[in-house]
PDB file of N, CA and C in Angstrom:
ATOM      1  N   MET A   1      10.941 -29.685 -32.754  1.00  0.00           N
ATOM      2  CA  MET A   1      10.196 -28.327 -32.300  1.00  0.00           C
ATOM      3  C   MET A   1      10.526 -28.262 -30.548  1.00  0.00           C
ATOM      4  N   ASN A   2      10.362 -26.916 -30.382  1.00  0.00           N
ATOM      5  CA  ASN A   2      10.122 -26.486 -29.161  1.00  0.00           C
ATOM      6  C   ASN A   2       9.246 -26.417 -28.135  1.00  0.00           C
ATOM      7  N   ASP A   3       8.823 -27.163 -27.337  1.00  0.00           N
ATOM      8  CA  ASP A   3       7.371 -27.138 -26.733  1.00  0.00           C
ATOM      9  C   ASP A   3       7.265 -26.191 -25.351  1.00  0.00           C
ATOM     10  N   GLY A   4       8.649 -25.947 -24.891  1.00  0.00           N
ATOM     11  CA  GLY A   4       8.657 -25.016 -23.703  1.00  0.00           C
ATOM     12  C   GLY A   4       9.185 -23.884 -23.748  1.00  0.00           C
ATOM     13  N   ILE A   5       9.550 -22.988 -22.695  1.00  0.00           N
ATOM     14  CA  ILE A   5       9.721 -21.835 -22.812  1.00  0.00           C
ATOM     15  C   ILE A   5      11.211 -21.764 -22.759  1.00  0.00           C
ATOM     16  N   SER A   6      11.837 -20.953 -23.272  1.00  0.00           N
ATOM     17  CA  SER A   6      13.216 -20.943 -23.353  1.00  0.00           C
ATOM     18  C   SER A   6      13.553 -20.362 -21.989  1.00  0.00           C
ATOM     19  N   PHE A   7      14.922 -20.178 -21.858  1.00  0.00           N
ATOM     20  CA  PHE A   7      15.325 -19.903 -20.539  1.00  0.00           C
ATOM     21  C   PHE A   7      15.141 -18.152 -20.814  1.00  0.00           C
ATOM     22  N   TRP A   8      15.572 -17.430 -21.785  1.00  0.00           N
ATOM     23  CA  TRP A   8      15.239 -16.236 -22.304  1.00  0.00           C
ATOM     24  C   TRP A   8      13.855 -15.602 -22.237  1.00  0.00           C
ATOM     25  N   ASP A   9      13.048 -16.502 -22.661  1.00  0.00           N
ATOM     26  CA  ASP A   9      11.642 -16.444 -22.635  1.00  0.00           C
ATOM     27  C   ASP A   9      11.076 -16.011 -21.091  1.00  0.00           C
ATOM     28  N   GLY A  10      11.736 -17.245 -20.252  1.00  0.00           N
ATOM     29  CA  GLY A  10      11.562 -16.950 -19.116  1.00  0.00           C
ATOM     30  C   GLY A  10      12.093 -15.773 -18.187  1.00  0.00           C
ATOM     31  N   PHE A  11      13.061 -15.458 -18.378  1.00  0.00           N
ATOM     32  CA  PHE A  11      13.852 -14.581 -17.906  1.00  0.00           C
ATOM     33  C   PHE A  11      13.310 -12.831 -18.558  1.00  0.00           C
ATOM     34  N   LEU A  12      12.666 -12.831 -19.608  1.00  0.00           N
ATOM     35  CA  LEU A  12      12.048 -11.683 -19.941  1.00  0.00           C
ATOM     36  C   LEU A  12      10.646 -11.689 -18.954  1.00  0.00           C
ATOM     37  N   LEU A  13      10.380 -12.609 -19.016  1.00  0.00           N
ATOM     38  CA  LEU A  13       8.854 -12.880 -18.423  1.00  0.00           C
ATOM     39  C   LEU A  13       8.857 -12.343 -16.933  1.00  0.00           C
ATOM     40  N   MET A  14       9.834 -12.934 -15.996  1.00  0.00           N
ATOM     41  CA  MET A  14       9.931 -12.951 -14.423  1.00  0.00           C
ATOM     42  C   MET A  14      10.479 -11.529 -14.662  1.00  0.00           C
ATOM     43  N   LEU A  15      11.553 -10.906 -15.200  1.00  0.00           N
ATOM     44  CA  LEU A  15      12.416  -9.630 -14.491  1.00  0.00           C
ATOM     45  C   LEU A  15      11.931  -8.604 -15.485  1.00  0.00           C
ATOM     46  N   ILE A  16      11.006  -8.453 -16.500  1.00  0.00           N
ATOM     47  CA  ILE A  16      10.690  -7.559 -17.149  1.00  0.00           C
ATOM     48  C   ILE A  16       8.975  -7.047 -17.076  1.00  0.00           C
ATOM     49  N   TRP A  17       8.629  -8.279 -17.877  1.00  0.00           N
ATOM     50  CA  TRP A  17       7.308  -8.062 -18.011  1.00  0.00           C
ATOM     51  C   TRP A  17       6.107  -8.184 -16.836  1.00  0.00           C
ATOM     52  N   ILE A  18       6.467  -9.224 -15.951  1.00  0.00           N
ATOM     53  CA  ILE A  18       5.944  -9.091 -14.468  1.00  0.00           C
ATOM     54  C   ILE A  18       6.097  -7.833 -13.660  1.00  0.00           C
ATOM     55  N   PRO A  19       7.236  -7.151 -13.372  1.00  0.00           N
ATOM     56  CA  PRO A  19       7.273  -6.069 -12.889  1.00  0.00           C
ATOM     57  C   PRO A  19       6.219  -4.882 -13.386  1.00  0.00           C
ATOM     58  N   LEU A  20       6.830  -4.602 -14.904  1.00  0.00           N
ATOM     59  CA  LEU A  20       5.955  -3.713 -15.463  1.00  0.00           C
ATOM     60  C   LEU A  20       4.589  -4.098 -15.589  1.00  0.00           C
ATOM     61  N   ILE A  21       3.878  -5.102 -15.494  1.00  0.00           N
ATOM     62  CA  ILE A  21       2.331  -4.962 -15.361  1.00  0.00           C
ATOM     63  C   ILE A  21       1.900  -4.646 -14.097  1.00  0.00           C
ATOM     64  N   MET A  22       2.919  -4.910 -12.913  1.00  0.00           N
ATOM     65  CA  MET A  22       2.490  -4.914 -11.399  1.00  0.00           C
ATOM     66  C   MET A  22       2.501  -3.116 -11.671  1.00  0.00           C
ATOM     67  N   CYS A  23       3.567  -2.384 -12.101  1.00  0.00           N
ATOM     68  CA  CYS A  23       3.600  -1.030 -12.063  1.00  0.00           C
ATOM     69  C   CYS A  23       2.411  -0.640 -12.836  1.00  0.00           C
ATOM     70  N   TRP A  24       1.713  -1.120 -13.583  1.00  0.00           N
ATOM     71  CA  TRP A  24       0.587  -0.307 -14.663  1.00  0.00           C
ATOM     72  C   TRP A  24      -0.599  -0.782 -13.450  1.00  0.00           C
ATOM     73  N   ALA A  25      -0.678  -2.047 -12.996  1.00  0.00           N
ATOM     74  CA  ALA A  25      -1.858  -2.185 -12.067  1.00  0.00           C
ATOM     75  C   ALA A  25      -1.926  -1.060 -10.927  1.00  0.00           C
ATOM     76  N   PHE A  26      -0.759  -1.323 -10.397  1.00  0.00           N
ATOM     77  CA  PHE A  26      -0.324  -0.226  -9.289  1.00  0.00           C
ATOM     78  C   PHE A  26      -1.031   1.445  -9.664  1.00  0.00           C
ATOM     79  N   ALA A  27      -0.629   1.601 -10.656  1.00  0.00           N
ATOM     80  CA  ALA A  27      -0.879   3.384 -11.419  1.00  0.00           C
ATOM     81  C   ALA A  27      -2.262   3.318 -11.374  1.00  0.00           C
ATOM     82  N   LEU A  28      -3.201   2.098 -11.718  1.00  0.00           N
ATOM     83  CA  LEU A  28      -4.668   2.238 -12.224  1.00  0.00           C
ATOM     84  C   LEU A  28      -5.152   2.308 -10.569  1.00  0.00           C
ATOM     85  N   ILE A  29      -4.658   1.353  -9.975  1.00  0.00           N
ATOM     86  CA  ILE A  29      -5.512   1.461  -8.370  1.00  0.00           C
ATOM     87  C   ILE A  29      -5.018   2.640  -8.133  1.00  0.00           C
ATOM     88  N   ASP A  30      -4.062   3.373  -7.800  1.00  0.00           N
ATOM     89  CA  ASP A  30      -3.694   4.661  -7.212  1.00  0.00           C
ATOM     90  C   ASP A  30      -4.267   5.841  -7.643  1.00  0.00           C
ATOM     91  N   LEU A  31      -4.573   5.654  -8.878  1.00  0.00           N
ATOM     92  CA  LEU A  31      -5.742   6.838  -9.506  1.00  0.00           C
ATOM     93  C   LEU A  31      -7.062   6.637  -8.985  1.00  0.00           C
ATOM     94  N   PHE A  32      -7.528   5.480  -9.254  1.00  0.00           N
ATOM     95  CA  PHE A  32      -8.906   5.614  -8.575  1.00  0.00           C
ATOM     96  C   PHE A  32      -8.990   5.938  -7.080  1.00  0.00           C
ATOM     97  N   ARG A  33      -7.909   5.732  -6.552  1.00  0.00           N
ATOM     98  CA  ARG A  33      -8.166   5.827  -5.119  1.00  0.00           C
ATOM     99  C   ARG A  33      -7.572   7.483  -4.467  1.00  0.00           C
ATOM    100  N   ARG A  34      -7.509   8.214  -5.571  1.00  0.00           N
ATOM    101  CA  ARG A  34      -7.368   9.376  -5.482  1.00  0.00           C
ATOM    102  C   ARG A  34      -8.391  10.622  -5.458  1.00  0.00           C
ATOM    103  N   ASP A  35      -8.339  11.208  -4.305  1.00  0.00           N
ATOM    104  CA  ASP A  35      -9.500  12.192  -3.945  1.00  0.00           C
ATOM    105  C   ASP A  35      -9.433  13.557  -4.682  1.00  0.00           C
ATOM    106  N   ASP A  36      -8.025  14.096  -4.939  1.00  0.00           N
ATOM    107  CA  ASP A  36      -7.667  15.544  -5.193  1.00  0.00           C
ATOM    108  C   ASP A  36      -7.784  15.567  -6.638  1.00  0.00           C
ATOM    109  N   LEU A  37      -7.902  14.682  -7.572  1.00  0.00           N
ATOM    110  CA  LEU A  37      -8.348  14.469  -8.964  1.00  0.00           C
ATOM    111  C   LEU A  37      -9.800  14.536  -9.553  1.00  0.00           C
ATOM    112  N   SER A  38     -10.523  15.484 -10.214  1.00  0.00           N
ATOM    113  CA  SER A  38     -11.613  15.468 -11.086  1.00  0.00           C
ATOM    114  C   SER A  38     -11.679  14.196 -11.696  1.00  0.00           C
ATOM    115  N   GLY A  39     -13.068  14.043 -11.997  1.00  0.00           N
ATOM    116  CA  GLY A  39     -13.406  12.942 -13.069  1.00  0.00           C
ATOM    117  C   GLY A  39     -12.684  12.882 -14.263  1.00  0.00           C
ATOM    118  N   TRP A  40     -12.824  14.120 -14.709  1.00  0.00           N
ATOM    119  CA  TRP A  40     -12.064  14.228 -16.041  1.00  0.00           C
ATOM    120  C   TRP A  40     -10.441  13.933 -15.766  1.00  0.00           C
ATOM    121  N   ALA A  41      -9.936  14.491 -14.961  1.00  0.00           N
ATOM    122  CA  ALA A  41      -8.460  14.436 -15.013  1.00  0.00           C
ATOM    123  C   ALA A  41      -8.260  12.705 -15.111  1.00  0.00           C
ATOM    124  N   LYS A  42      -9.270  12.106 -14.144  1.00  0.00           N
ATOM    125  CA  LYS A  42      -8.942  10.668 -14.012  1.00  0.00           C
ATOM    126  C   LYS A  42      -8.921   9.856 -15.307  1.00  0.00           C
ATOM    127  N   ALA A  43     -10.001  10.268 -16.141  1.00  0.00           N
ATOM    128  CA  ALA A  43     -10.252   9.575 -17.139  1.00  0.00           C
ATOM    129  C   ALA A  43      -9.364  10.119 -18.411  1.00  0.00           C
ATOM    130  N   LEU A  44      -8.527  11.027 -18.417  1.00  0.00           N
ATOM    131  CA  LEU A  44      -7.632  11.562 -19.378  1.00  0.00           C
ATOM    132  C   LEU A  44      -6.285  10.549 -18.583  1.00  0.00           C
ATOM    133  N   TRP A  45      -5.961  10.504 -17.212  1.00  0.00           N
ATOM    134  CA  TRP A  45      -4.976   9.401 -17.032  1.00  0.00           C
ATOM    135  C   TRP A  45      -5.237   8.135 -17.497  1.00  0.00           C
ATOM    136  N   ILE A  46      -6.252   7.425 -17.218  1.00  0.00           N
ATOM    137  CA  ILE A  46      -6.627   6.125 -17.471  1.00  0.00           C
ATOM    138  C   ILE A  46      -6.635   6.068 -18.823  1.00  0.00           C
ATOM    139  N   ILE A  47      -6.914   7.075 -19.994  1.00  0.00           N
ATOM    140  CA  ILE A  47      -6.766   6.771 -21.055  1.00  0.00           C
ATOM    141  C   ILE A  47      -5.300   6.921 -21.533  1.00  0.00           C
ATOM    142  N   ALA A  48      -4.220   7.728 -20.964  1.00  0.00           N
ATOM    143  CA  ALA A  48      -3.017   7.791 -21.290  1.00  0.00           C
ATOM    144  C   ALA A  48      -2.061   6.586 -20.853  1.00  0.00           C
ATOM    145  N   ILE A  49      -2.648   5.792 -19.581  1.00  0.00           N
ATOM    146  CA  ILE A  49      -1.801   4.528 -19.094  1.00  0.00           C
ATOM    147  C   ILE A  49      -2.634   3.480 -19.646  1.00  0.00           C
ATOM    148  N   ILE A  50      -3.659   3.471 -20.550  1.00  0.00           N
ATOM    149  CA  ILE A  50      -4.082   2.363 -21.222  1.00  0.00           C
ATOM    150  C   ILE A  50      -3.455   2.379 -22.562  1.00  0.00           C
ATOM    151  N   ILE A  51      -3.786   3.641 -23.320  1.00  0.00           N
ATOM    152  CA  ILE A  51      -3.012   3.750 -24.614  1.00  0.00           C
ATOM    153  C   ILE A  51      -1.442   3.602 -24.779  1.00  0.00           C
ATOM    154  N   LEU A  52      -0.733   4.200 -23.679  1.00  0.00           N
ATOM    155  CA  LEU A  52       0.776   3.977 -23.774  1.00  0.00           C
ATOM    156  C   LEU A  52       0.937   3.522 -22.252  1.00  0.00           C
ATOM    157  N   PRO A  53       0.625   2.092 -22.153  1.00  0.00           N
ATOM    158  CA  PRO A  53       0.924   1.492 -20.760  1.00  0.00           C
ATOM    159  C   PRO A  53       2.156   1.875 -20.235  1.00  0.00           C
ATOM    160  N   PHE A  54       3.226   1.581 -20.551  1.00  0.00           N
ATOM    161  CA  PHE A  54       4.697   1.685 -19.795  1.00  0.00           C
ATOM    162  C   PHE A  54       4.899   3.437 -19.896  1.00  0.00           C
ATOM    163  N   LEU A  55       4.943   4.047 -20.987  1.00  0.00           N
ATOM    164  CA  LEU A  55       5.086   5.472 -20.712  1.00  0.00           C
ATOM    165  C   LEU A  55       4.305   5.968 -19.978  1.00  0.00           C
ATOM    166  N   GLY A  56       3.132   5.864 -20.044  1.00  0.00           N
ATOM    167  CA  GLY A  56       1.918   6.646 -19.545  1.00  0.00           C
ATOM    168  C   GLY A  56       1.941   6.079 -17.990  1.00  0.00           C
ATOM    169  N   VAL A  57       2.537   5.154 -17.382  1.00  0.00           N
ATOM    170  CA  VAL A  57       2.803   5.054 -16.112  1.00  0.00           C
ATOM    171  C   VAL A  57       3.744   5.569 -15.568  1.00  0.00           C
ATOM    172  N   LEU A  58       5.020   5.898 -16.621  1.00  0.00           N
ATOM    173  CA  LEU A  58       6.114   6.219 -16.097  1.00  0.00           C
ATOM    174  C   LEU A  58       5.934   8.033 -15.573  1.00  0.00           C
ATOM    175  N   ILE A  59       5.118   8.442 -16.966  1.00  0.00           N
ATOM    176  CA  ILE A  59       4.879   9.769 -16.619  1.00  0.00           C
ATOM    177  C   ILE A  59       3.843   9.828 -15.572  1.00  0.00           C
ATOM    178  N   TYR A  60       3.005   9.285 -15.206  1.00  0.00           N
ATOM    179  CA  TYR A  60       2.069   9.316 -14.099  1.00  0.00           C
ATOM    180  C   TYR A  60       2.910   9.489 -12.750  1.00  0.00           C
ATOM    181  N   PHE A  61       3.947   8.297 -12.507  1.00  0.00           N
ATOM    182  CA  PHE A  61       4.611   8.199 -11.555  1.00  0.00           C
ATOM    183  C   PHE A  61       5.606   9.594 -11.137  1.00  0.00           C
ATOM    184  N   ILE A  62       6.045  10.137 -12.430  1.00  0.00           N
ATOM    185  CA  ILE A  62       6.830  11.110 -12.245  1.00  0.00           C
ATOM    186  C   ILE A  62       6.109  12.391 -11.806  1.00  0.00           C
ATOM    187  N   VAL A  63       4.989  12.636 -12.512  1.00  0.00           N
ATOM    188  CA  VAL A  63       4.352  13.842 -12.284  1.00  0.00           C
ATOM    189  C   VAL A  63       3.201  13.771 -11.177  1.00  0.00           C
ATOM    190  N   ARG A  64       3.014  12.949 -10.574  1.00  0.00           N
ATOM    191  CA  ARG A  64       1.928  12.491  -9.348  1.00  0.00           C
ATOM    192  C   ARG A  64       2.767  13.288  -8.450  1.00  0.00           C
ATOM    193  N   PRO A  65       1.702  14.254  -8.109  1.00  0.00           N
ATOM    194  CA  PRO A  65       1.778  14.800  -6.367  1.00  0.00           C
ATOM    195  C   PRO A  65       1.863  14.327  -5.255  1.00  0.00           C
ATOM    196  N   VAL A  66       2.525  14.620  -4.388  1.00  0.00           N
ATOM    197  CA  VAL A  66       2.543  13.861  -2.833  1.00  0.00           C
ATOM    198  C   VAL A  66       1.396  14.562  -2.418  1.00  0.00           C
ATOM    199  N   THR A  67       0.391  13.920  -1.595  1.00  0.00           N
ATOM    200  CA  THR A  67      -1.186  14.304  -1.409  1.00  0.00           C
ATOM    201  C   THR A  67      -0.643  14.469   0.262  1.00  0.00           C
ATOM    202  N   ALA A  68      -1.673  15.114   0.804  1.00  0.00           N
ATOM    203  CA  ALA A  68      -1.757  15.047   2.342  1.00  0.00           C
ATOM    204  C   ALA A  68      -2.284  14.033   2.783  1.00  0.00           C
ATOM    205  N   GLN A  69      -2.781  13.059   2.184  1.00  0.00           N
ATOM    206  CA  GLN A  69      -3.355  11.702   2.544  1.00  0.00           C
ATOM    207  C   GLN A  69      -2.016  10.780   2.729  1.00  0.00           C
ATOM    208  N   ASP A  70      -1.026  11.097   1.518  1.00  0.00           N
ATOM    209  CA  ASP A  70      -0.121  10.304   1.505  1.00  0.00           C
ATOM    210  C   ASP A  70       1.297  10.651   2.818  1.00  0.00           C
ATOM    211  N   VAL A  71       1.061  11.819   3.028  1.00  0.00           N
ATOM    212  CA  VAL A  71       1.862  12.634   4.104  1.00  0.00           C
ATOM    213  C   VAL A  71       1.491  11.926   5.499  1.00  0.00           C
ATOM    214  N   GLU A  72       0.256  11.888   5.728  1.00  0.00           N
ATOM    215  CA  GLU A  72      -0.416  11.326   6.589  1.00  0.00           C
ATOM    216  C   GLU A  72      -0.330   9.994   6.888  1.00  0.00           C
ATOM    217  N   THR A  73      -0.483   9.054   6.114  1.00  0.00           N
ATOM    218  CA  THR A  73      -0.295   7.688   6.143  1.00  0.00           C
ATOM    219  C   THR A  73       1.290   7.308   6.588  1.00  0.00           C
ATOM    220  N   GLN A  74       1.864   8.057   5.805  1.00  0.00           N
ATOM    221  CA  GLN A  74       3.571   8.132   6.201  1.00  0.00           C
ATOM    222  C   GLN A  74       3.727   8.171   7.993  1.00  0.00           C
ATOM    223  N   GLU A  75       3.350   9.426   8.294  1.00  0.00           N
ATOM    224  CA  GLU A  75       3.519   9.433   9.591  1.00  0.00           C
ATOM    225  C   GLU A  75       3.081   8.671  10.469  1.00  0.00           C
ATOM    226  N   GLU A  76       1.676   7.849  10.339  1.00  0.00           N
ATOM    227  CA  GLU A  76       1.180   7.306  11.004  1.00  0.00           C
ATOM    228  C   GLU A  76       2.065   5.996  10.931  1.00  0.00           C
ATOM    229  N   TYR A  77       2.242   5.725   9.964  1.00  0.00           N
ATOM    230  CA  TYR A  77       3.289   4.357   9.892  1.00  0.00           C
ATOM    231  C   TYR A  77       4.376   4.504  10.759  1.00  0.00           C
ATOM    232  N   ALA A  78       5.295   5.569  10.509  1.00  0.00           N
ATOM    233  CA  ALA A  78       6.540   5.877  11.333  1.00  0.00           C
ATOM    234  C   ALA A  78       6.195   5.902  13.104  1.00  0.00           C
ATOM    235  N   LYS A  79       5.284   6.675  13.310  1.00  0.00           N
ATOM    236  CA  LYS A  79       4.713   6.545  14.858  1.00  0.00           C
ATOM    237  C   LYS A  79       4.447   4.812  15.084  1.00  0.00           C
ATOM    238  N   GLU A  80       3.793   4.087  14.227  1.00  0.00           N
ATOM    239  CA  GLU A  80       3.416   2.797  14.723  1.00  0.00           C
ATOM    240  C   GLU A  80       4.842   2.036  14.507  1.00  0.00           C
ATOM    241  N   VAL A  81       5.703   2.004  13.782  1.00  0.00           N
ATOM    242  CA  VAL A  81       6.925   1.533  13.576  1.00  0.00           C
ATOM    243  C   VAL A  81       7.923   1.738  15.064  1.00  0.00           C
ATOM    244  N   ASP A  82       8.159   3.422  15.225  1.00  0.00           N
ATOM    245  CA  ASP A  82       8.887   3.550  16.331  1.00  0.00           C
ATOM    246  C   ASP A  82       8.207   2.864  17.824  1.00  0.00           C
ATOM    247  N   PHE A  83       6.714   3.057  17.822  1.00  0.00           N
ATOM    248  CA  PHE A  83       6.268   2.671  19.032  1.00  0.00           C
ATOM    249  C   PHE A  83       6.486   1.355  19.445  1.00  0.00           C
ATOM    250  N   GLU A  84       6.510   0.200  18.125  1.00  0.00           N
ATOM    251  CA  GLU A  84       6.657  -1.059  18.181  1.00  0.00           C
ATOM    252  C   GLU A  84       8.069  -1.594  18.740  1.00  0.00           C
ATOM    253  N   LYS A  85       9.044  -0.646  18.190  1.00  0.00           N
ATOM    254  CA  LYS A  85      10.470  -0.943  18.354  1.00  0.00           C
ATOM    255  C   LYS A  85      10.920  -0.456  19.889  1.00  0.00           C
ATOM    256  N   THR A  86      10.141   0.336  20.618  1.00  0.00           N
ATOM    257  CA  THR A  86      10.340   0.870  21.774  1.00  0.00           C
ATOM    258  C   THR A  86       9.517   0.583  22.925  1.00  0.00           C
ATOM    259  N   ALA A  87       8.626   0.383  22.400  1.00  0.00           N
ATOM    260  CA  ALA A  87       7.506  -0.299  23.309  1.00  0.00           C
ATOM    261  C   ALA A  87       7.671  -1.271  24.486  1.00  0.00           C
ATOM    262  N   THR A  88       7.440  -1.310  25.586  1.00  0.00           N
ATOM    263  CA  THR A  88       7.365  -2.541  26.461  1.00  0.00           C
ATOM    264  C   THR A  88       6.221  -3.263  26.609  1.00  0.00           C
ATOM    265  N   SER A  89       5.918  -4.211  27.038  1.00  0.00           N
ATOM    266  CA  SER A  89       4.526  -5.071  27.220  1.00  0.00           C
ATOM    267  C   SER A  89       3.726  -4.146  27.881  1.00  0.00           C
ATOM    268  N   VAL A  90       3.984  -3.297  28.710  1.00  0.00           N
ATOM    269  CA  VAL A  90       3.275  -2.640  29.909  1.00  0.00           C
ATOM    270  C   VAL A  90       3.035  -1.521  28.950  1.00  0.00           C
ATOM    271  N   ASP A  91       4.098  -0.724  28.064  1.00  0.00           N
ATOM    272  CA  ASP A  91       3.359   0.551  27.088  1.00  0.00           C
ATOM    273  C   ASP A  91       2.112  -0.177  26.264  1.00  0.00           C
ATOM    274  N   ARG A  92       2.530  -1.344  25.666  1.00  0.00           N
ATOM    275  CA  ARG A  92       1.582  -1.765  24.802  1.00  0.00           C
ATOM    276  C   ARG A  92       0.145  -2.203  25.568  1.00  0.00           C
ATOM    277  N   LEU A  93      -0.028  -2.645  26.548  1.00  0.00           N
ATOM    278  CA  LEU A  93      -1.322  -2.788  27.442  1.00  0.00           C
ATOM    279  C   LEU A  93      -1.747  -1.621  27.740  1.00  0.00           C
ATOM    280  N   ALA A  94      -0.959  -0.435  27.908  1.00  0.00           N
ATOM    281  CA  ALA A  94      -1.474   0.654  28.182  1.00  0.00           C
ATOM    282  C   ALA A  94      -2.377   1.509  27.162  1.00  0.00           C
ATOM    283  N   LYS A  95      -1.683   1.305  26.140  1.00  0.00           N
ATOM    284  CA  LYS A  95      -1.991   1.722  24.647  1.00  0.00           C
ATOM    285  C   LYS A  95      -3.457   0.799  24.192  1.00  0.00           C
ATOM    286  N   LEU A  96      -3.506  -0.491  24.599  1.00  0.00           N
ATOM    287  CA  LEU A  96      -4.622  -1.244  24.221  1.00  0.00           C
ATOM    288  C   LEU A  96      -5.787  -0.542  25.376  1.00  0.00           C
ATOM    289  N   THR A  97      -5.587  -0.613  26.286  1.00  0.00           N
ATOM    290  CA  THR A  97      -6.363  -0.104  27.367  1.00  0.00           C
ATOM    291  C   THR A  97      -6.990   1.363  26.905  1.00  0.00           C
ATOM    292  N   GLU A  98      -6.298   2.072  26.290  1.00  0.00           N
ATOM    293  CA  GLU A  98      -6.428   3.419  26.202  1.00  0.00           C
ATOM    294  C   GLU A  98      -7.277   3.060  25.013  1.00  0.00           C
ATOM    295  N   LEU A  99      -7.253   2.573  23.938  1.00  0.00           N
ATOM    296  CA  LEU A  99      -7.931   2.245  22.823  1.00  0.00           C
ATOM    297  C   LEU A  99      -9.375   1.768  22.972  1.00  0.00           C
ATOM    298  N   HIS A 100      -9.327   0.844  24.223  1.00  0.00           N
ATOM    299  CA  HIS A 100     -10.665   0.071  24.684  1.00  0.00           C
ATOM    300  C   HIS A 100     -11.496   0.982  25.274  1.00  0.00           C
ATOM    301  N   GLU A 101     -10.874   2.135  25.775  1.00  0.00           N
ATOM    302  CA  GLU A 101     -11.741   3.282  26.943  1.00  0.00           C
ATOM    303  C   GLU A 101     -12.230   3.845  25.734  1.00  0.00           C
ATOM    304  N   LYS A 102     -11.741   4.322  24.616  1.00  0.00           N
ATOM    305  CA  LYS A 102     -12.263   5.600  23.777  1.00  0.00           C
ATOM    306  C   LYS A 102     -13.189   4.624  23.241  1.00  0.00           C
ATOM    307  N   GLY A 103     -13.194   3.504  23.092  1.00  0.00           N
ATOM    308  CA  GLY A 103     -14.055   2.648  21.925  1.00  0.00           C
ATOM    309  C   GLY A 103     -13.622   2.081  20.686  1.00  0.00           C
ATOM    310  N   VAL A 104     -12.554   2.444  20.594  1.00  0.00           N
ATOM    311  CA  VAL A 104     -11.928   1.856  19.194  1.00  0.00           C
ATOM    312  C   VAL A 104     -11.840   0.426  19.072  1.00  0.00           C
ATOM    313  N   LEU A 105     -11.429  -0.023  20.132  1.00  0.00           N
ATOM    314  CA  LEU A 105     -11.508  -1.658  20.220  1.00  0.00           C
ATOM    315  C   LEU A 105     -12.687  -1.932  20.901  1.00  0.00           C
ATOM    316  N   THR A 106     -13.425  -3.199  20.294  1.00  0.00           N
ATOM    317  CA  THR A 106     -14.345  -3.940  21.185  1.00  0.00           C
ATOM    318  C   THR A 106     -13.855  -4.572  22.524  1.00  0.00           C
ATOM    319  N   ASP A 107     -15.149  -5.198  23.174  1.00  0.00           N
ATOM    320  CA  ASP A 107     -14.656  -6.229  24.179  1.00  0.00           C
ATOM    321  C   ASP A 107     -13.823  -7.112  23.684  1.00  0.00           C
ATOM    322  N   GLU A 108     -14.229  -7.750  22.862  1.00  0.00           N
ATOM    323  CA  GLU A 108     -13.689  -9.157  22.168  1.00  0.00           C
ATOM    324  C   GLU A 108     -12.456  -8.765  21.284  1.00  0.00           C
ATOM    325  N   GLN A 109     -12.332  -7.739  20.709  1.00  0.00           N
ATOM    326  CA  GLN A 109     -10.794  -7.180  20.187  1.00  0.00           C
ATOM    327  C   GLN A 109      -9.971  -6.875  21.244  1.00  0.00           C
ATOM    328  N   PHE A 110     -10.388  -6.252  22.342  1.00  0.00           N
ATOM    329  CA  PHE A 110      -9.476  -6.012  23.333  1.00  0.00           C
ATOM    330  C   PHE A 110      -8.937  -7.245  23.905  1.00  0.00           C
ATOM    331  N   GLU A 111     -10.106  -8.254  24.303  1.00  0.00           N
ATOM    332  CA  GLU A 111      -9.173  -9.609  25.151  1.00  0.00           C
ATOM    333  C   GLU A 111      -8.284 -10.125  24.050  1.00  0.00           C
ATOM    334  N   LYS A 112      -8.768 -10.428  22.897  1.00  0.00           N
ATOM    335  CA  LYS A 112      -8.019 -11.253  21.803  1.00  0.00           C
ATOM    336  C   LYS A 112      -6.620 -10.580  21.969  1.00  0.00           C
ATOM    337  N   LYS A 113      -6.245  -9.169  21.696  1.00  0.00           N
ATOM    338  CA  LYS A 113      -5.162  -8.486  21.582  1.00  0.00           C
ATOM    339  C   LYS A 113      -4.417  -8.518  22.907  1.00  0.00           C
ATOM    340  N   LYS A 114      -5.014  -8.563  24.115  1.00  0.00           N
ATOM    341  CA  LYS A 114      -4.095  -8.359  25.389  1.00  0.00           C
ATOM    342  C   LYS A 114      -3.925  -9.971  25.623  1.00  0.00           C
ATOM    343  N   ALA A 115      -4.787 -10.926  25.219  1.00  0.00           N
ATOM    344  CA  ALA A 115      -4.119 -12.534  25.332  1.00  0.00           C
ATOM    345  C   ALA A 115      -3.012 -12.594  24.559  1.00  0.00           C
ATOM    346  N   LYS A 116      -2.843 -11.932  23.112  1.00  0.00           N
ATOM    347  CA  LYS A 116      -1.561 -12.358  22.319  1.00  0.00           C
ATOM    348  C   LYS A 116      -0.453 -11.685  23.013  1.00  0.00           C
ATOM    349  N   LEU A 117      -0.745 -10.416  23.370  1.00  0.00           N
ATOM    350  CA  LEU A 117       0.388  -9.452  24.272  1.00  0.00           C
ATOM    351  C   LEU A 117       0.703 -10.243  25.414  1.00  0.00           C
ATOM    352  N   ILE A 118       0.392 -10.938  26.024  1.00  0.00           N
ATOM    353  CA  ILE A 118       0.488 -11.703  27.302  1.00  0.00           C
ATOM    354  C   ILE A 118       1.342 -12.897  26.789  1.00  0.00           C
ATOM    355  N   ARG A 119       0.987 -13.610  25.714  1.00  0.00           N
ATOM    356  CA  ARG A 119       1.524 -14.977  25.347  1.00  0.00           C
ATOM    357  C   ARG A 119       3.287 -14.267  24.914  1.00  0.00           C
ATOM    358  N   GLU A 120       2.863 -13.281  24.258  1.00  0.00           N
ATOM    359  CA  GLU A 120       4.500 -12.785  23.699  1.00  0.00           C
ATOM    360  C   GLU A 120       5.330 -12.608  24.856  1.00  0.00           C
TER     361      GLU A 120
END
């Protein structure tokens, strides 16, 4: 008798099923976070994704429109990456000070980030 997982069983598990399950979970999470869909539209998508797990996910990813929130998130990320690439320590400290003055960072957060920046 064969008591363990064969090579091909492990191969299918690692390269096919786990990524498909991750896509399925991502689609459901993304669906719950969307603000542009009504409750009924979300319910229909959930039913489609659960009844037709992989085909429903594929259709959801193809049909899913890009929302304004997606664009804003992408722009914020691009600005952050650009700033991190080009910023010197002085620029970063100035940005921290600005955030602290606006009240975005508390005194404790400001001191921690400033100490981390100085250590770099």
